[in-house]
Amino acid sequence: MSKITSLLELVDIKKAMLAQMKESDRTKIVVGMGTCGISAGAKETAIALQKEIGERSLDHIQMSITGCIGLCVQEPLVEVQKPGREAVVFKLVDEERARQIIEQYVVNDLLNEDWIVK
């Protein structure tokens, strides 16, 4: 693999990767699991999301975790990116809200504006 020798090359790689992600046919869910998220209940949130995804056999969903998303006061934070759309970041996601996000937004495409970071 060749080395990146300029900021412009790095920007081009980022653009290509973002375009590739938007073209994916999978919904991506990312749970913030920095120390702030974990202390706010992100582990339980992630488990609830995994359970709901499994019970509904939603094989088109790719779930992962990340470090701190950067808005500690709103933790646990969950980012959902549906194919071809901008990512939506949900705030204060406890176990119940996690299940509702799967049912309402992921499955039925209903977005509760009160639950998102704007």
PDB file of N, CA and C in Angstrom:
ATOM      1  N   MET A   1       0.844  -1.178   0.000  1.00  0.00           N
ATOM      2  CA  MET A   1       0.000   0.000   0.000  1.00  0.00           C
ATOM      3  C   MET A   1       0.886   1.237   0.000  1.00  0.00           C
ATOM      4  N   SER A   2       0.549   2.207  -0.824  1.00  0.00           N
ATOM      5  CA  SER A   2       1.348   3.422  -0.913  1.00  0.00           C
ATOM      6  C   SER A   2       1.025   4.367   0.239  1.00  0.00           C
ATOM      7  N   LYS A   3       1.969   5.230   0.534  1.00  0.00           N
ATOM      8  CA  LYS A   3       1.792   6.197   1.611  1.00  0.00           C
ATOM      9  C   LYS A   3       0.971   7.388   1.126  1.00  0.00           C
ATOM     10  N   ILE A   4       0.238   7.970   2.034  1.00  0.00           N
ATOM     11  CA  ILE A   4      -0.498   9.198   1.755  1.00  0.00           C
ATOM     12  C   ILE A   4       0.499  10.337   1.939  1.00  0.00           C
ATOM     13  N   THR A   5       0.647  11.138   0.889  1.00  0.00           N
ATOM     14  CA  THR A   5       1.680  12.173   0.936  1.00  0.00           C
ATOM     15  C   THR A   5       1.142  13.586   1.042  1.00  0.00           C
ATOM     16  N   SER A   6      -0.199  13.733   1.016  1.00  0.00           N
ATOM     17  CA  SER A   6      -0.741  15.088   1.133  1.00  0.00           C
ATOM     18  C   SER A   6      -2.121  15.045   1.774  1.00  0.00           C
ATOM     19  N   LEU A   7      -2.513  16.182   2.280  1.00  0.00           N
ATOM     20  CA  LEU A   7      -3.843  16.309   2.864  1.00  0.00           C
ATOM     21  C   LEU A   7      -4.909  16.103   1.793  1.00  0.00           C
ATOM     22  N   LEU A   8      -4.643  16.543   0.590  1.00  0.00           N
ATOM     23  CA  LEU A   8      -5.592  16.388  -0.514  1.00  0.00           C
ATOM     24  C   LEU A   8      -5.875  14.903  -0.791  1.00  0.00           C
ATOM     25  N   GLU A   9      -4.837  14.071  -0.755  1.00  0.00           N
ATOM     26  CA  GLU A   9      -5.035  12.625  -0.945  1.00  0.00           C
ATOM     27  C   GLU A   9      -5.928  12.056   0.157  1.00  0.00           C
ATOM     28  N   LEU A  10      -5.693  12.487   1.378  1.00  0.00           N
ATOM     29  CA  LEU A  10      -6.493  12.016   2.507  1.00  0.00           C
ATOM     30  C   LEU A  10      -7.948  12.440   2.353  1.00  0.00           C
ATOM     31  N   VAL A  11      -8.184  13.669   1.932  1.00  0.00           N
ATOM     32  CA  VAL A  11      -9.542  14.169   1.703  1.00  0.00           C
ATOM     33  C   VAL A  11     -10.227  13.351   0.606  1.00  0.00           C
ATOM     34  N   ASP A  12      -9.509  13.038  -0.458  1.00  0.00           N
ATOM     35  CA  ASP A  12     -10.077  12.230  -1.545  1.00  0.00           C
ATOM     36  C   ASP A  12     -10.455  10.825  -1.069  1.00  0.00           C
ATOM     37  N   ILE A  13      -9.606  10.241  -0.233  1.00  0.00           N
ATOM     38  CA  ILE A  13      -9.898   8.909   0.314  1.00  0.00           C
ATOM     39  C   ILE A  13     -11.146   8.974   1.186  1.00  0.00           C
ATOM     40  N   LYS A  14     -11.242  10.006   2.008  1.00  0.00           N
ATOM     41  CA  LYS A  14     -12.423  10.173   2.872  1.00  0.00           C
ATOM     42  C   LYS A  14     -13.686  10.290   2.030  1.00  0.00           C
ATOM     43  N   LYS A  15     -13.655  11.116   0.985  1.00  0.00           N
ATOM     44  CA  LYS A  15     -14.827  11.288   0.117  1.00  0.00           C
ATOM     45  C   LYS A  15     -15.241   9.961  -0.523  1.00  0.00           C
ATOM     46  N   ALA A  16     -14.263   9.203  -0.986  1.00  0.00           N
ATOM     47  CA  ALA A  16     -14.557   7.918  -1.619  1.00  0.00           C
ATOM     48  C   ALA A  16     -15.175   6.939  -0.624  1.00  0.00           C
ATOM     49  N   MET A  17     -14.639   6.908   0.600  1.00  0.00           N
ATOM     50  CA  MET A  17     -15.173   6.005   1.619  1.00  0.00           C
ATOM     51  C   MET A  17     -16.585   6.405   2.031  1.00  0.00           C
ATOM     52  N   LEU A  18     -16.840   7.703   2.179  1.00  0.00           N
ATOM     53  CA  LEU A  18     -18.185   8.169   2.536  1.00  0.00           C
ATOM     54  C   LEU A  18     -19.182   7.834   1.431  1.00  0.00           C
ATOM     55  N   ALA A  19     -18.780   8.005   0.186  1.00  0.00           N
ATOM     56  CA  ALA A  19     -19.662   7.664  -0.937  1.00  0.00           C
ATOM     57  C   ALA A  19     -19.959   6.176  -0.934  1.00  0.00           C
ATOM     58  N   GLN A  20     -18.959   5.377  -0.651  1.00  0.00           N
ATOM     59  CA  GLN A  20     -19.137   3.924  -0.588  1.00  0.00           C
ATOM     60  C   GLN A  20     -20.101   3.549   0.531  1.00  0.00           C
ATOM     61  N   MET A  21     -19.972   4.198   1.680  1.00  0.00           N
ATOM     62  CA  MET A  21     -20.860   3.906   2.802  1.00  0.00           C
ATOM     63  C   MET A  21     -22.296   4.263   2.468  1.00  0.00           C
ATOM     64  N   LYS A  22     -22.514   5.387   1.804  1.00  0.00           N
ATOM     65  CA  LYS A  22     -23.872   5.807   1.470  1.00  0.00           C
ATOM     66  C   LYS A  22     -24.511   4.884   0.450  1.00  0.00           C
ATOM     67  N   GLU A  23     -23.696   4.227  -0.376  1.00  0.00           N
ATOM     68  CA  GLU A  23     -24.220   3.334  -1.398  1.00  0.00           C
ATOM     69  C   GLU A  23     -24.510   1.944  -0.851  1.00  0.00           C
ATOM     70  N   SER A  24     -24.072   1.668   0.352  1.00  0.00           N
ATOM     71  CA  SER A  24     -24.286   0.355   0.940  1.00  0.00           C
ATOM     72  C   SER A  24     -25.777   0.087   1.122  1.00  0.00           C
ATOM     73  N   ASP A  25     -26.159  -1.170   1.010  1.00  0.00           N
ATOM     74  CA  ASP A  25     -27.557  -1.543   1.185  1.00  0.00           C
ATOM     75  C   ASP A  25     -27.863  -1.969   2.622  1.00  0.00           C
ATOM     76  N   ARG A  26     -26.927  -1.739   3.513  1.00  0.00           N
ATOM     77  CA  ARG A  26     -27.110  -2.105   4.916  1.00  0.00           C
ATOM     78  C   ARG A  26     -27.315  -0.868   5.773  1.00  0.00           C
ATOM     79  N   THR A  27     -28.201  -1.002   6.747  1.00  0.00           N
ATOM     80  CA  THR A  27     -28.360   0.036   7.753  1.00  0.00           C
ATOM     81  C   THR A  27     -27.259  -0.164   8.785  1.00  0.00           C
ATOM     82  N   LYS A  28     -26.613   0.927   9.168  1.00  0.00           N
ATOM     83  CA  LYS A  28     -25.525   0.849  10.139  1.00  0.00           C
ATOM     84  C   LYS A  28     -25.961   1.523  11.437  1.00  0.00           C
ATOM     85  N   ILE A  29     -25.719   0.833  12.540  1.00  0.00           N
ATOM     86  CA  ILE A  29     -26.017   1.370  13.868  1.00  0.00           C
ATOM     87  C   ILE A  29     -24.714   1.371  14.659  1.00  0.00           C
ATOM     88  N   VAL A  30     -24.380   2.534  15.223  1.00  0.00           N
ATOM     89  CA  VAL A  30     -23.154   2.673  16.005  1.00  0.00           C
ATOM     90  C   VAL A  30     -23.524   3.193  17.390  1.00  0.00           C
ATOM     91  N   VAL A  31     -23.061   2.496  18.406  1.00  0.00           N
ATOM     92  CA  VAL A  31     -23.325   2.883  19.795  1.00  0.00           C
ATOM     93  C   VAL A  31     -22.052   3.489  20.378  1.00  0.00           C
ATOM     94  N   GLY A  32     -22.173   4.696  20.949  1.00  0.00           N
ATOM     95  CA  GLY A  32     -21.045   5.344  21.603  1.00  0.00           C
ATOM     96  C   GLY A  32     -20.726   4.654  22.918  1.00  0.00           C
ATOM     97  N   MET A  33     -19.514   4.093  23.007  1.00  0.00           N
ATOM     98  CA  MET A  33     -19.124   3.340  24.203  1.00  0.00           C
ATOM     99  C   MET A  33     -17.856   3.901  24.836  1.00  0.00           C
ATOM    100  N   GLY A  34     -17.723   5.228  24.821  1.00  0.00           N
ATOM    101  CA  GLY A  34     -16.658   5.840  25.610  1.00  0.00           C
ATOM    102  C   GLY A  34     -17.017   5.684  27.085  1.00  0.00           C
ATOM    103  N   THR A  35     -16.146   6.099  27.963  1.00  0.00           N
ATOM    104  CA  THR A  35     -16.435   5.940  29.391  1.00  0.00           C
ATOM    105  C   THR A  35     -17.704   6.680  29.791  1.00  0.00           C
ATOM    106  N   CYS A  36     -17.947   7.832  29.155  1.00  0.00           N
ATOM    107  CA  CYS A  36     -19.164   8.588  29.476  1.00  0.00           C
ATOM    108  C   CYS A  36     -20.405   7.801  29.046  1.00  0.00           C
ATOM    109  N   GLY A  37     -20.350   7.191  27.870  1.00  0.00           N
ATOM    110  CA  GLY A  37     -21.479   6.394  27.387  1.00  0.00           C
ATOM    111  C   GLY A  37     -21.717   5.171  28.249  1.00  0.00           C
ATOM    112  N   ILE A  38     -20.648   4.494  28.590  1.00  0.00           N
ATOM    113  CA  ILE A  38     -20.773   3.286  29.423  1.00  0.00           C
ATOM    114  C   ILE A  38     -21.382   3.636  30.774  1.00  0.00           C
ATOM    115  N   SER A  39     -20.909   4.721  31.386  1.00  0.00           N
ATOM    116  CA  SER A  39     -21.447   5.096  32.699  1.00  0.00           C
ATOM    117  C   SER A  39     -22.906   5.540  32.612  1.00  0.00           C
ATOM    118  N   ALA A  40     -23.346   5.969  31.437  1.00  0.00           N
ATOM    119  CA  ALA A  40     -24.739   6.379  31.248  1.00  0.00           C
ATOM    120  C   ALA A  40     -25.643   5.225  30.830  1.00  0.00           C
ATOM    121  N   GLY A  41     -25.066   4.025  30.613  1.00  0.00           N
ATOM    122  CA  GLY A  41     -25.885   2.859  30.290  1.00  0.00           C
ATOM    123  C   GLY A  41     -25.767   2.359  28.864  1.00  0.00           C
ATOM    124  N   ALA A  42     -24.718   2.743  28.147  1.00  0.00           N
ATOM    125  CA  ALA A  42     -24.579   2.352  26.741  1.00  0.00           C
ATOM    126  C   ALA A  42     -24.442   0.840  26.556  1.00  0.00           C
ATOM    127  N   LYS A  43     -23.861   0.160  27.521  1.00  0.00           N
ATOM    128  CA  LYS A  43     -23.732  -1.297  27.406  1.00  0.00           C
ATOM    129  C   LYS A  43     -25.113  -1.936  27.359  1.00  0.00           C
ATOM    130  N   GLU A  44     -25.981  -1.522  28.251  1.00  0.00           N
ATOM    131  CA  GLU A  44     -27.349  -2.057  28.264  1.00  0.00           C
ATOM    132  C   GLU A  44     -28.100  -1.659  26.992  1.00  0.00           C
ATOM    133  N   THR A  45     -27.844  -0.453  26.505  1.00  0.00           N
ATOM    134  CA  THR A  45     -28.453   0.006  25.260  1.00  0.00           C
ATOM    135  C   THR A  45     -28.026  -0.882  24.100  1.00  0.00           C
ATOM    136  N   ALA A  46     -26.730  -1.173  24.009  1.00  0.00           N
ATOM    137  CA  ALA A  46     -26.210  -2.018  22.933  1.00  0.00           C
ATOM    138  C   ALA A  46     -26.806  -3.419  22.993  1.00  0.00           C
ATOM    139  N   ILE A  47     -26.927  -3.953  24.185  1.00  0.00           N
ATOM    140  CA  ILE A  47     -27.509  -5.287  24.349  1.00  0.00           C
ATOM    141  C   ILE A  47     -28.974  -5.283  23.906  1.00  0.00           C
ATOM    142  N   ALA A  48     -29.715  -4.246  24.278  1.00  0.00           N
ATOM    143  CA  ALA A  48     -31.131  -4.139  23.881  1.00  0.00           C
ATOM    144  C   ALA A  48     -31.259  -4.026  22.367  1.00  0.00           C
ATOM    145  N   LEU A  49     -30.377  -3.256  21.736  1.00  0.00           N
ATOM    146  CA  LEU A  49     -30.401  -3.131  20.275  1.00  0.00           C
ATOM    147  C   LEU A  49     -30.118  -4.479  19.614  1.00  0.00           C
ATOM    148  N   GLN A  50     -29.083  -5.170  20.085  1.00  0.00           N
ATOM    149  CA  GLN A  50     -28.737  -6.475  19.521  1.00  0.00           C
ATOM    150  C   GLN A  50     -29.886  -7.460  19.671  1.00  0.00           C
ATOM    151  N   LYS A  51     -30.505  -7.458  20.827  1.00  0.00           N
ATOM    152  CA  LYS A  51     -31.626  -8.370  21.083  1.00  0.00           C
ATOM    153  C   LYS A  51     -32.793  -8.070  20.145  1.00  0.00           C
ATOM    154  N   GLU A  52     -33.139  -6.795  19.995  1.00  0.00           N
ATOM    155  CA  GLU A  52     -34.254  -6.403  19.129  1.00  0.00           C
ATOM    156  C   GLU A  52     -33.959  -6.734  17.663  1.00  0.00           C
ATOM    157  N   ILE A  53     -32.736  -6.491  17.242  1.00  0.00           N
ATOM    158  CA  ILE A  53     -32.335  -6.815  15.866  1.00  0.00           C
ATOM    159  C   ILE A  53     -32.439  -8.324  15.635  1.00  0.00           C
ATOM    160  N   GLY A  54     -31.980  -9.097  16.587  1.00  0.00           N
ATOM    161  CA  GLY A  54     -32.039 -10.554  16.474  1.00  0.00           C
ATOM    162  C   GLY A  54     -33.458 -11.087  16.480  1.00  0.00           C
ATOM    163  N   GLU A  55     -34.290 -10.595  17.398  1.00  0.00           N
ATOM    164  CA  GLU A  55     -35.677 -11.064  17.482  1.00  0.00           C
ATOM    165  C   GLU A  55     -36.468 -10.743  16.230  1.00  0.00           C
ATOM    166  N   ARG A  56     -36.125  -9.656  15.563  1.00  0.00           N
ATOM    167  CA  ARG A  56     -36.831  -9.252  14.343  1.00  0.00           C
ATOM    168  C   ARG A  56     -36.153  -9.798  13.076  1.00  0.00           C
ATOM    169  N   SER A  57     -35.056 -10.525  13.254  1.00  0.00           N
ATOM    170  CA  SER A  57     -34.293 -11.088  12.126  1.00  0.00           C
ATOM    171  C   SER A  57     -33.937 -10.018  11.094  1.00  0.00           C
ATOM    172  N   LEU A  58     -33.418  -8.906  11.584  1.00  0.00           N
ATOM    173  CA  LEU A  58     -33.044  -7.789  10.711  1.00  0.00           C
ATOM    174  C   LEU A  58     -31.596  -7.978  10.256  1.00  0.00           C
ATOM    175  N   ASP A  59     -31.417  -8.876   9.313  1.00  0.00           N
ATOM    176  CA  ASP A  59     -30.085  -9.244   8.850  1.00  0.00           C
ATOM    177  C   ASP A  59     -29.391  -8.147   8.046  1.00  0.00           C
ATOM    178  N   HIS A  60     -30.127  -7.144   7.626  1.00  0.00           N
ATOM    179  CA  HIS A  60     -29.543  -6.054   6.834  1.00  0.00           C
ATOM    180  C   HIS A  60     -28.898  -4.977   7.703  1.00  0.00           C
ATOM    181  N   ILE A  61     -28.864  -5.199   9.010  1.00  0.00           N
ATOM    182  CA  ILE A  61     -28.304  -4.196   9.922  1.00  0.00           C
ATOM    183  C   ILE A  61     -26.906  -4.609  10.357  1.00  0.00           C
ATOM    184  N   GLN A  62     -25.998  -3.665  10.274  1.00  0.00           N
ATOM    185  CA  GLN A  62     -24.637  -3.848  10.750  1.00  0.00           C
ATOM    186  C   GLN A  62     -24.469  -2.982  11.989  1.00  0.00           C
ATOM    187  N   MET A  63     -24.214  -3.617  13.119  1.00  0.00           N
ATOM    188  CA  MET A  63     -24.083  -2.866  14.362  1.00  0.00           C
ATOM    189  C   MET A  63     -22.641  -2.888  14.836  1.00  0.00           C
ATOM    190  N   SER A  64     -22.187  -1.755  15.345  1.00  0.00           N
ATOM    191  CA  SER A  64     -20.833  -1.670  15.877  1.00  0.00           C
ATOM    192  C   SER A  64     -20.813  -0.678  17.035  1.00  0.00           C
ATOM    193  N   ILE A  65     -19.655  -0.601  17.672  1.00  0.00           N
ATOM    194  CA  ILE A  65     -19.476   0.362  18.760  1.00  0.00           C
ATOM    195  C   ILE A  65     -18.322   1.283  18.397  1.00  0.00           C
ATOM    196  N   THR A  66     -18.280   2.426  19.062  1.00  0.00           N
ATOM    197  CA  THR A  66     -17.198   3.383  18.872  1.00  0.00           C
ATOM    198  C   THR A  66     -16.883   3.996  20.225  1.00  0.00           C
ATOM    199  N   GLY A  67     -15.876   4.818  20.252  1.00  0.00           N
ATOM    200  CA  GLY A  67     -15.537   5.539  21.471  1.00  0.00           C
ATOM    201  C   GLY A  67     -16.507   6.687  21.673  1.00  0.00           C
ATOM    202  N   CYS A  68     -16.067   7.679  22.356  1.00  0.00           N
ATOM    203  CA  CYS A  68     -16.905   8.838  22.664  1.00  0.00           C
ATOM    204  C   CYS A  68     -17.315   9.554  21.377  1.00  0.00           C
ATOM    205  N   ILE A  69     -18.594   9.843  21.248  1.00  0.00           N
ATOM    206  CA  ILE A  69     -19.102  10.567  20.089  1.00  0.00           C
ATOM    207  C   ILE A  69     -18.976  12.071  20.311  1.00  0.00           C
ATOM    208  N   GLY A  70     -18.870  12.499  21.562  1.00  0.00           N
ATOM    209  CA  GLY A  70     -18.540  13.884  21.829  1.00  0.00           C
ATOM    210  C   GLY A  70     -19.601  14.742  22.484  1.00  0.00           C
ATOM    211  N   LEU A  71     -20.699  14.165  22.875  1.00  0.00           N
ATOM    212  CA  LEU A  71     -21.745  14.949  23.523  1.00  0.00           C
ATOM    213  C   LEU A  71     -22.163  14.206  24.796  1.00  0.00           C
ATOM    214  N   CYS A  72     -21.269  14.215  25.760  1.00  0.00           N
ATOM    215  CA  CYS A  72     -21.413  13.383  26.962  1.00  0.00           C
ATOM    216  C   CYS A  72     -22.731  13.587  27.694  1.00  0.00           C
ATOM    217  N   VAL A  73     -23.231  14.795  27.720  1.00  0.00           N
ATOM    218  CA  VAL A  73     -24.453  15.090  28.461  1.00  0.00           C
ATOM    219  C   VAL A  73     -25.677  14.406  27.847  1.00  0.00           C
ATOM    220  N   GLN A  74     -25.576  13.959  26.599  1.00  0.00           N
ATOM    221  CA  GLN A  74     -26.701  13.320  25.909  1.00  0.00           C
ATOM    222  C   GLN A  74     -26.532  11.802  25.798  1.00  0.00           C
ATOM    223  N   GLU A  75     -25.529  11.242  26.436  1.00  0.00           N
ATOM    224  CA  GLU A  75     -25.278   9.801  26.375  1.00  0.00           C
ATOM    225  C   GLU A  75     -26.377   9.014  27.064  1.00  0.00           C
ATOM    226  N   PRO A  76     -26.581   7.800  26.658  1.00  0.00           N
ATOM    227  CA  PRO A  76     -25.994   7.066  25.543  1.00  0.00           C
ATOM    228  C   PRO A  76     -26.464   7.603  24.187  1.00  0.00           C
ATOM    229  N   LEU A  77     -25.509   7.688  23.252  1.00  0.00           N
ATOM    230  CA  LEU A  77     -25.792   8.142  21.893  1.00  0.00           C
ATOM    231  C   LEU A  77     -25.743   6.954  20.936  1.00  0.00           C
ATOM    232  N   VAL A  78     -26.682   6.943  19.999  1.00  0.00           N
ATOM    233  CA  VAL A  78     -26.751   5.889  18.990  1.00  0.00           C
ATOM    234  C   VAL A  78     -26.914   6.544  17.632  1.00  0.00           C
ATOM    235  N   GLU A  79     -26.001   6.232  16.730  1.00  0.00           N
ATOM    236  CA  GLU A  79     -26.074   6.761  15.365  1.00  0.00           C
ATOM    237  C   GLU A  79     -26.657   5.690  14.447  1.00  0.00           C
ATOM    238  N   VAL A  80     -27.637   6.090  13.639  1.00  0.00           N
ATOM    239  CA  VAL A  80     -28.252   5.173  12.673  1.00  0.00           C
ATOM    240  C   VAL A  80     -28.093   5.786  11.290  1.00  0.00           C
ATOM    241  N   GLN A  81     -27.496   5.010  10.382  1.00  0.00           N
ATOM    242  CA  GLN A  81     -27.368   5.474   9.003  1.00  0.00           C
ATOM    243  C   GLN A  81     -28.047   4.467   8.087  1.00  0.00           C
ATOM    244  N   LYS A  82     -29.158   4.921   7.514  1.00  0.00           N
ATOM    245  CA  LYS A  82     -29.883   4.107   6.551  1.00  0.00           C
ATOM    246  C   LYS A  82     -29.267   4.334   5.171  1.00  0.00           C
ATOM    247  N   PRO A  83     -29.334   3.342   4.295  1.00  0.00           N
ATOM    248  CA  PRO A  83     -28.728   3.476   2.974  1.00  0.00           C
ATOM    249  C   PRO A  83     -29.188   4.732   2.234  1.00  0.00           C
ATOM    250  N   GLY A  84     -28.221   5.476   1.712  1.00  0.00           N
ATOM    251  CA  GLY A  84     -28.530   6.653   0.919  1.00  0.00           C
ATOM    252  C   GLY A  84     -28.997   7.864   1.699  1.00  0.00           C
ATOM    253  N   ARG A  85     -28.896   7.829   3.021  1.00  0.00           N
ATOM    254  CA  ARG A  85     -29.362   8.942   3.849  1.00  0.00           C
ATOM    255  C   ARG A  85     -28.266   9.429   4.769  1.00  0.00           C
ATOM    256  N   GLU A  86     -28.476  10.638   5.280  1.00  0.00           N
ATOM    257  CA  GLU A  86     -27.575  11.165   6.296  1.00  0.00           C
ATOM    258  C   GLU A  86     -27.783  10.378   7.590  1.00  0.00           C
ATOM    259  N   ALA A  87     -26.725  10.283   8.366  1.00  0.00           N
ATOM    260  CA  ALA A  87     -26.825   9.610   9.655  1.00  0.00           C
ATOM    261  C   ALA A  87     -27.675  10.430  10.614  1.00  0.00           C
ATOM    262  N   VAL A  88     -28.397   9.734  11.489  1.00  0.00           N
ATOM    263  CA  VAL A  88     -29.202  10.363  12.534  1.00  0.00           C
ATOM    264  C   VAL A  88     -28.614   9.913  13.869  1.00  0.00           C
ATOM    265  N   VAL A  89     -28.388  10.872  14.772  1.00  0.00           N
ATOM    266  CA  VAL A  89     -27.848  10.543  16.088  1.00  0.00           C
ATOM    267  C   VAL A  89     -28.957  10.706  17.122  1.00  0.00           C
ATOM    268  N   PHE A  90     -29.266   9.604  17.781  1.00  0.00           N
ATOM    269  CA  PHE A  90     -30.294   9.598  18.827  1.00  0.00           C
ATOM    270  C   PHE A  90     -29.624   9.805  20.181  1.00  0.00           C
ATOM    271  N   LYS A  91     -30.281  10.564  21.048  1.00  0.00           N
ATOM    272  CA  LYS A  91     -29.731  10.901  22.362  1.00  0.00           C
ATOM    273  C   LYS A  91     -30.490  10.197  23.481  1.00  0.00           C
ATOM    274  N   LEU A  92     -29.815  10.075  24.616  1.00  0.00           N
ATOM    275  CA  LEU A  92     -30.425   9.517  25.834  1.00  0.00           C
ATOM    276  C   LEU A  92     -31.122   8.181  25.557  1.00  0.00           C
ATOM    277  N   VAL A  93     -30.411   7.301  24.876  1.00  0.00           N
ATOM    278  CA  VAL A  93     -31.006   6.035  24.433  1.00  0.00           C
ATOM    279  C   VAL A  93     -30.851   4.966  25.513  1.00  0.00           C
ATOM    280  N   ASP A  94     -31.935   4.764  26.256  1.00  0.00           N
ATOM    281  CA  ASP A  94     -31.958   3.675  27.228  1.00  0.00           C
ATOM    282  C   ASP A  94     -32.492   2.425  26.515  1.00  0.00           C
ATOM    283  N   GLU A  95     -32.694   1.350  27.258  1.00  0.00           N
ATOM    284  CA  GLU A  95     -33.117   0.085  26.658  1.00  0.00           C
ATOM    285  C   GLU A  95     -34.472   0.210  25.955  1.00  0.00           C
ATOM    286  N   GLU A  96     -35.417   0.894  26.556  1.00  0.00           N
ATOM    287  CA  GLU A  96     -36.749   1.049  25.955  1.00  0.00           C
ATOM    288  C   GLU A  96     -36.678   1.882  24.686  1.00  0.00           C
ATOM    289  N   ARG A  97     -35.970   2.990  24.750  1.00  0.00           N
ATOM    290  CA  ARG A  97     -35.848   3.841  23.566  1.00  0.00           C
ATOM    291  C   ARG A  97     -35.128   3.084  22.442  1.00  0.00           C
ATOM    292  N   ALA A  98     -34.158   2.263  22.793  1.00  0.00           N
ATOM    293  CA  ALA A  98     -33.443   1.465  21.792  1.00  0.00           C
ATOM    294  C   ALA A  98     -34.421   0.583  21.020  1.00  0.00           C
ATOM    295  N   ARG A  99     -35.293  -0.096  21.745  1.00  0.00           N
ATOM    296  CA  ARG A  99     -36.294  -0.953  21.083  1.00  0.00           C
ATOM    297  C   ARG A  99     -37.229  -0.123  20.208  1.00  0.00           C
ATOM    298  N   GLN A 100     -37.612   1.055  20.700  1.00  0.00           N
ATOM    299  CA  GLN A 100     -38.511   1.923  19.938  1.00  0.00           C
ATOM    300  C   GLN A 100     -37.827   2.480  18.684  1.00  0.00           C
ATOM    301  N   ILE A 101     -36.541   2.766  18.765  1.00  0.00           N
ATOM    302  CA  ILE A 101     -35.814   3.245  17.585  1.00  0.00           C
ATOM    303  C   ILE A 101     -35.822   2.175  16.494  1.00  0.00           C
ATOM    304  N   ILE A 102     -35.597   0.941  16.894  1.00  0.00           N
ATOM    305  CA  ILE A 102     -35.627  -0.144  15.899  1.00  0.00           C
ATOM    306  C   ILE A 102     -37.012  -0.232  15.277  1.00  0.00           C
ATOM    307  N   GLU A 103     -38.049  -0.271  16.110  1.00  0.00           N
ATOM    308  CA  GLU A 103     -39.410  -0.404  15.593  1.00  0.00           C
ATOM    309  C   GLU A 103     -39.833   0.813  14.773  1.00  0.00           C
ATOM    310  N   GLN A 104     -39.665   1.990  15.347  1.00  0.00           N
ATOM    311  CA  GLN A 104     -40.197   3.193  14.696  1.00  0.00           C
ATOM    312  C   GLN A 104     -39.341   3.655  13.524  1.00  0.00           C
ATOM    313  N   TYR A 105     -38.039   3.839  13.738  1.00  0.00           N
ATOM    314  CA  TYR A 105     -37.219   4.438  12.690  1.00  0.00           C
ATOM    315  C   TYR A 105     -36.653   3.404  11.716  1.00  0.00           C
ATOM    316  N   VAL A 106     -36.024   2.373  12.255  1.00  0.00           N
ATOM    317  CA  VAL A 106     -35.371   1.398  11.373  1.00  0.00           C
ATOM    318  C   VAL A 106     -36.395   0.613  10.562  1.00  0.00           C
ATOM    319  N   VAL A 107     -37.454   0.126  11.198  1.00  0.00           N
ATOM    320  CA  VAL A 107     -38.435  -0.712  10.503  1.00  0.00           C
ATOM    321  C   VAL A 107     -39.502   0.120   9.792  1.00  0.00           C
ATOM    322  N   ASN A 108     -40.082   1.100  10.496  1.00  0.00           N
ATOM    323  CA  ASN A 108     -41.243   1.822   9.945  1.00  0.00           C
ATOM    324  C   ASN A 108     -40.930   3.225   9.420  1.00  0.00           C
ATOM    325  N   ASP A 109     -39.681   3.641   9.472  1.00  0.00           N
ATOM    326  CA  ASP A 109     -39.229   4.911   8.907  1.00  0.00           C
ATOM    327  C   ASP A 109     -39.926   6.133   9.525  1.00  0.00           C
ATOM    328  N   LEU A 110     -40.251   6.050  10.819  1.00  0.00           N
ATOM    329  CA  LEU A 110     -40.852   7.170  11.545  1.00  0.00           C
ATOM    330  C   LEU A 110     -39.798   7.759  12.467  1.00  0.00           C
ATOM    331  N   LEU A 111     -39.484   9.030  12.294  1.00  0.00           N
ATOM    332  CA  LEU A 111     -38.440   9.680  13.058  1.00  0.00           C
ATOM    333  C   LEU A 111     -39.029  10.579  14.133  1.00  0.00           C
ATOM    334  N   ASN A 112     -38.733  10.290  15.378  1.00  0.00           N
ATOM    335  CA  ASN A 112     -39.154  11.123  16.501  1.00  0.00           C
ATOM    336  C   ASN A 112     -38.117  12.233  16.667  1.00  0.00           C
ATOM    337  N   GLU A 113     -38.444  13.428  16.244  1.00  0.00           N
ATOM    338  CA  GLU A 113     -37.521  14.565  16.268  1.00  0.00           C
ATOM    339  C   GLU A 113     -37.040  14.915  17.680  1.00  0.00           C
ATOM    340  N   ASP A 114     -37.844  14.585  18.695  1.00  0.00           N
ATOM    341  CA  ASP A 114     -37.464  14.900  20.070  1.00  0.00           C
ATOM    342  C   ASP A 114     -36.304  14.031  20.566  1.00  0.00           C
ATOM    343  N   TRP A 115     -36.031  12.940  19.887  1.00  0.00           N
ATOM    344  CA  TRP A 115     -35.009  11.989  20.329  1.00  0.00           C
ATOM    345  C   TRP A 115     -33.664  12.198  19.651  1.00  0.00           C
ATOM    346  N   ILE A 116     -33.549  13.147  18.735  1.00  0.00           N
ATOM    347  CA  ILE A 116     -32.311  13.252  17.970  1.00  0.00           C
ATOM    348  C   ILE A 116     -31.494  14.482  18.362  1.00  0.00           C
ATOM    349  N   VAL A 117     -30.189  14.374  18.128  1.00  0.00           N
ATOM    350  CA  VAL A 117     -29.276  15.502  18.308  1.00  0.00           C
ATOM    351  C   VAL A 117     -29.359  16.334  17.043  1.00  0.00           C
ATOM    352  N   LYS A 118     -29.602  17.606  17.213  1.00  0.00           N
ATOM    353  CA  LYS A 118     -29.743  18.483  16.039  1.00  0.00           C
ATOM    354  C   LYS A 118     -28.556  19.389  15.912  1.00  0.00           C
TER     355      LYS A 118
END
